[in-house]
Amino acid sequence: MFKLLYPKLYVATLFDIDLAELQKKGICAILLDLDNTIVPRDQDCCPGEIVQWIKKAKNHGFKLCIVSNNSPARVQALASSLAIPAVYRAVKPARRPFIQAMKLLGVAPGQTAVIGDQIFTDMLGGNRLGLYTILVAPLPGREFWATRLFSRRLEKLILCRLNRNKPGGTLAR
């Protein structure tokens, strides 16, 4: 069970992800979490540097899709501005939204990475399907109260264990 909580890769930011290395692993699609991964939860547009990263990923040939537990209005507005498809009200870590996103992109689990900031939604959901999971530190900003109160506290315990086993550094939260 605990194995399903561990990401395959964990980095501080999206910018630390080596896209060429993902391609070498056979990854051609990236499922992106929305809040606190590509946009702060309390903002309505992606920071410019994130928009540039998304363009870079597209230029590398990656198919992208947002998978978010958030409302249709918020998710669709941001997905439209980035010109990528989205799955909203995902109820992660359920398998269904990840499967739905892969169908939208026409890819298989072995070709798909998930990038997110939460262990109990993004990593668990992706690992349940055998996706390549990448954990990033959350973007600064206001968090959903339940995330702050429950998930982040439990995640700290898991991150302590990950940090002990990670050569060359830690991921601070």
Protein backbone atom coordinates (compact mmCIF):
# COMPACT_ATOMS: atom_id res chain seq x y z
CA MET A 1 0.00 0.00 0.00
CA PHE A 2 2.68 2.52 0.99
CA LYS A 3 4.52 1.83 -2.26
CA LEU A 4 1.56 3.37 -4.10
CA LEU A 5 2.20 6.67 -2.30
CA TYR A 6 5.78 7.08 -3.49
CA PRO A 7 6.46 9.02 -6.69
CA LYS A 8 8.87 7.67 -9.29
CA LEU A 9 10.51 11.11 -9.29
CA TYR A 10 10.24 14.07 -6.99
CA VAL A 11 11.56 17.51 -7.77
CA ALA A 12 11.11 21.02 -6.46
CA THR A 13 9.42 22.47 -9.57
CA LEU A 14 8.22 21.62 -13.06
CA PHE A 15 11.38 23.27 -14.36
CA ASP A 16 13.49 20.53 -12.75
CA ILE A 17 11.87 17.84 -14.90
CA ASP A 18 14.08 16.67 -17.76
CA LEU A 19 11.65 16.30 -20.67
CA ALA A 20 14.22 14.52 -22.84
CA GLU A 21 14.71 11.94 -20.07
CA LEU A 22 10.94 11.34 -19.94
CA GLN A 23 10.96 10.71 -23.68
CA LYS A 24 13.79 8.19 -23.27
CA LYS A 25 11.51 6.33 -20.84
CA GLY A 26 8.83 6.14 -23.54
CA ILE A 27 6.65 8.85 -22.02
CA CYS A 28 4.71 10.85 -24.62
CA ALA A 29 1.82 12.17 -22.50
CA ILE A 30 1.70 14.22 -19.31
CA LEU A 31 -1.33 14.51 -17.04
CA LEU A 32 -1.09 17.71 -15.02
CA ASP A 33 -2.74 18.53 -11.73
CA LEU A 34 -4.12 22.06 -11.69
CA ASP A 35 -4.20 23.73 -8.27
CA ASN A 36 -0.79 24.33 -6.69
CA THR A 37 0.93 22.43 -9.52
CA ILE A 38 0.49 24.69 -12.58
CA VAL A 39 -1.50 27.53 -11.00
CA PRO A 40 -1.76 28.75 -7.41
CA ARG A 41 -5.17 27.76 -5.99
CA ASP A 42 -6.07 31.39 -5.28
CA GLN A 43 -5.31 32.68 -8.81
CA ASP A 44 -7.21 32.51 -12.08
CA CYS A 45 -4.34 32.31 -14.55
CA CYS A 46 -1.10 30.38 -14.87
CA PRO A 47 2.13 32.22 -14.15
CA GLY A 48 4.01 33.13 -17.34
CA GLU A 49 6.90 30.76 -16.66
CA ILE A 50 4.46 27.84 -16.30
CA VAL A 51 2.81 28.79 -19.61
CA GLN A 52 6.28 28.74 -21.19
CA TRP A 53 7.00 25.30 -19.68
CA ILE A 54 3.73 23.98 -21.13
CA LYS A 55 4.70 25.36 -24.56
CA LYS A 56 8.12 23.74 -24.22
CA ALA A 57 6.53 20.37 -23.36
CA LYS A 58 4.24 20.66 -26.40
CA ASN A 59 7.23 21.56 -28.59
CA HIS A 60 8.96 18.40 -27.34
CA GLY A 61 5.97 16.46 -28.68
CA PHE A 62 4.20 15.72 -25.40
CA LYS A 63 0.42 15.42 -25.31
CA LEU A 64 -0.93 17.24 -22.24
CA CYS A 65 -4.15 17.03 -20.24
CA ILE A 66 -5.23 18.62 -16.96
CA VAL A 67 -6.76 16.24 -14.40
CA SER A 68 -8.29 18.19 -11.52
CA ASN A 69 -10.71 17.68 -8.66
CA ASN A 70 -11.85 21.29 -9.13
CA SER A 71 -15.05 22.64 -10.68
CA PRO A 72 -15.81 22.58 -14.42
CA ALA A 73 -15.81 26.38 -14.69
CA ARG A 74 -12.33 26.83 -13.19
CA VAL A 75 -10.76 23.85 -14.94
CA GLN A 76 -12.23 24.57 -18.39
CA ALA A 77 -11.26 28.25 -18.25
CA LEU A 78 -7.63 27.45 -17.47
CA ALA A 79 -7.47 24.51 -19.89
CA SER A 80 -8.87 26.69 -22.69
CA SER A 81 -6.31 29.41 -22.03
CA LEU A 82 -3.55 26.78 -22.35
CA ALA A 83 -5.19 25.01 -25.33
CA ILE A 84 -5.12 21.59 -23.66
CA PRO A 85 -7.93 19.17 -22.78
CA ALA A 86 -9.06 18.61 -19.20
CA VAL A 87 -10.88 16.24 -16.89
CA TYR A 88 -12.64 18.06 -14.04
CA ARG A 89 -14.31 16.91 -10.81
CA ALA A 90 -11.88 14.03 -11.07
CA VAL A 91 -12.29 12.60 -7.57
CA LYS A 92 -8.61 11.65 -7.49
CA PRO A 93 -7.18 9.19 -6.51
CA ALA A 94 -9.92 7.31 -8.40
CA ARG A 95 -8.68 5.53 -11.52
CA ARG A 96 -11.48 6.76 -13.78
CA PRO A 97 -10.20 10.33 -14.37
CA PHE A 98 -6.73 9.14 -15.30
CA ILE A 99 -8.18 6.54 -17.68
CA GLN A 100 -10.48 9.21 -19.16
CA ALA A 101 -7.51 11.55 -19.72
CA MET A 102 -5.46 8.80 -21.38
CA LYS A 103 -8.39 8.03 -23.70
CA LEU A 104 -8.64 11.72 -24.61
CA LEU A 105 -4.96 11.67 -25.54
CA GLY A 106 -4.96 8.21 -27.13
CA VAL A 107 -2.15 6.84 -24.95
CA ALA A 108 -1.49 3.83 -22.73
CA PRO A 109 -0.38 3.83 -19.07
CA GLY A 110 3.24 3.03 -19.99
CA GLN A 111 3.38 6.18 -22.12
CA THR A 112 1.94 8.48 -19.46
CA ALA A 113 3.36 10.60 -16.63
CA VAL A 114 1.39 12.36 -13.91
CA ILE A 115 2.72 15.57 -12.40
CA GLY A 116 1.15 16.82 -9.18
CA ASP A 117 1.77 18.30 -5.76
CA GLN A 118 -0.17 15.82 -3.61
CA ILE A 119 0.75 12.31 -2.59
CA PHE A 120 -2.75 11.13 -1.66
CA THR A 121 -4.41 12.26 -4.89
CA ASP A 122 -1.93 12.59 -7.76
CA MET A 123 0.72 10.02 -6.79
CA LEU A 124 -1.69 7.42 -5.42
CA GLY A 125 -4.04 7.76 -8.39
CA GLY A 126 -1.24 7.56 -10.95
CA ASN A 127 0.56 4.69 -9.25
CA ARG A 128 -2.66 2.64 -9.08
CA LEU A 129 -2.54 2.54 -12.89
CA GLY A 130 1.22 2.13 -13.26
CA LEU A 131 1.79 5.67 -14.56
CA TYR A 132 5.13 7.45 -14.18
CA THR A 133 4.44 9.72 -11.18
CA ILE A 134 6.29 12.99 -10.55
CA LEU A 135 5.81 14.90 -7.32
CA VAL A 136 6.52 18.64 -7.28
CA ALA A 137 6.45 21.03 -4.34
CA PRO A 138 3.20 23.03 -4.25
CA LEU A 139 3.20 26.52 -5.72
CA PRO A 140 2.95 29.26 -3.11
CA GLY A 141 -0.56 30.47 -2.31
CA ARG A 142 -3.65 29.63 -0.33
CA GLU A 143 -4.53 25.96 0.00
CA PHE A 144 -7.84 24.22 0.44
CA TRP A 145 -8.40 23.94 4.21
CA ALA A 146 -8.67 20.13 4.23
CA THR A 147 -5.46 19.79 2.23
CA ARG A 148 -3.62 22.03 4.66
CA LEU A 149 -5.11 20.42 7.77
CA PHE A 150 -4.92 16.73 6.88
CA SER A 151 -3.05 15.83 3.69
CA ARG A 152 0.01 18.04 4.09
CA ARG A 153 0.63 16.78 7.64
CA LEU A 154 0.57 13.15 6.54
CA GLU A 155 2.64 14.00 3.46
CA LYS A 156 5.38 15.41 5.69
CA LEU A 157 5.82 11.99 7.28
CA ILE A 158 6.09 10.31 3.89
CA LEU A 159 8.45 13.00 2.57
CA CYS A 160 10.74 12.47 5.57
CA ARG A 161 11.06 8.84 4.55
CA LEU A 162 11.56 9.78 0.88
CA ASN A 163 14.22 12.32 1.81
CA ARG A 164 16.14 9.70 3.80
CA ASN A 165 16.23 7.47 0.73
CA LYS A 166 16.91 10.14 -1.91
CA PRO A 167 20.53 10.57 -2.93
CA GLY A 168 21.67 14.13 -3.44
CA GLY A 169 19.07 16.23 -1.69
CA THR A 170 15.63 16.76 -0.32
CA LEU A 171 12.28 18.12 -1.35
CA ALA A 172 11.21 20.78 1.13
CA ARG A 173 7.57 21.52 1.85
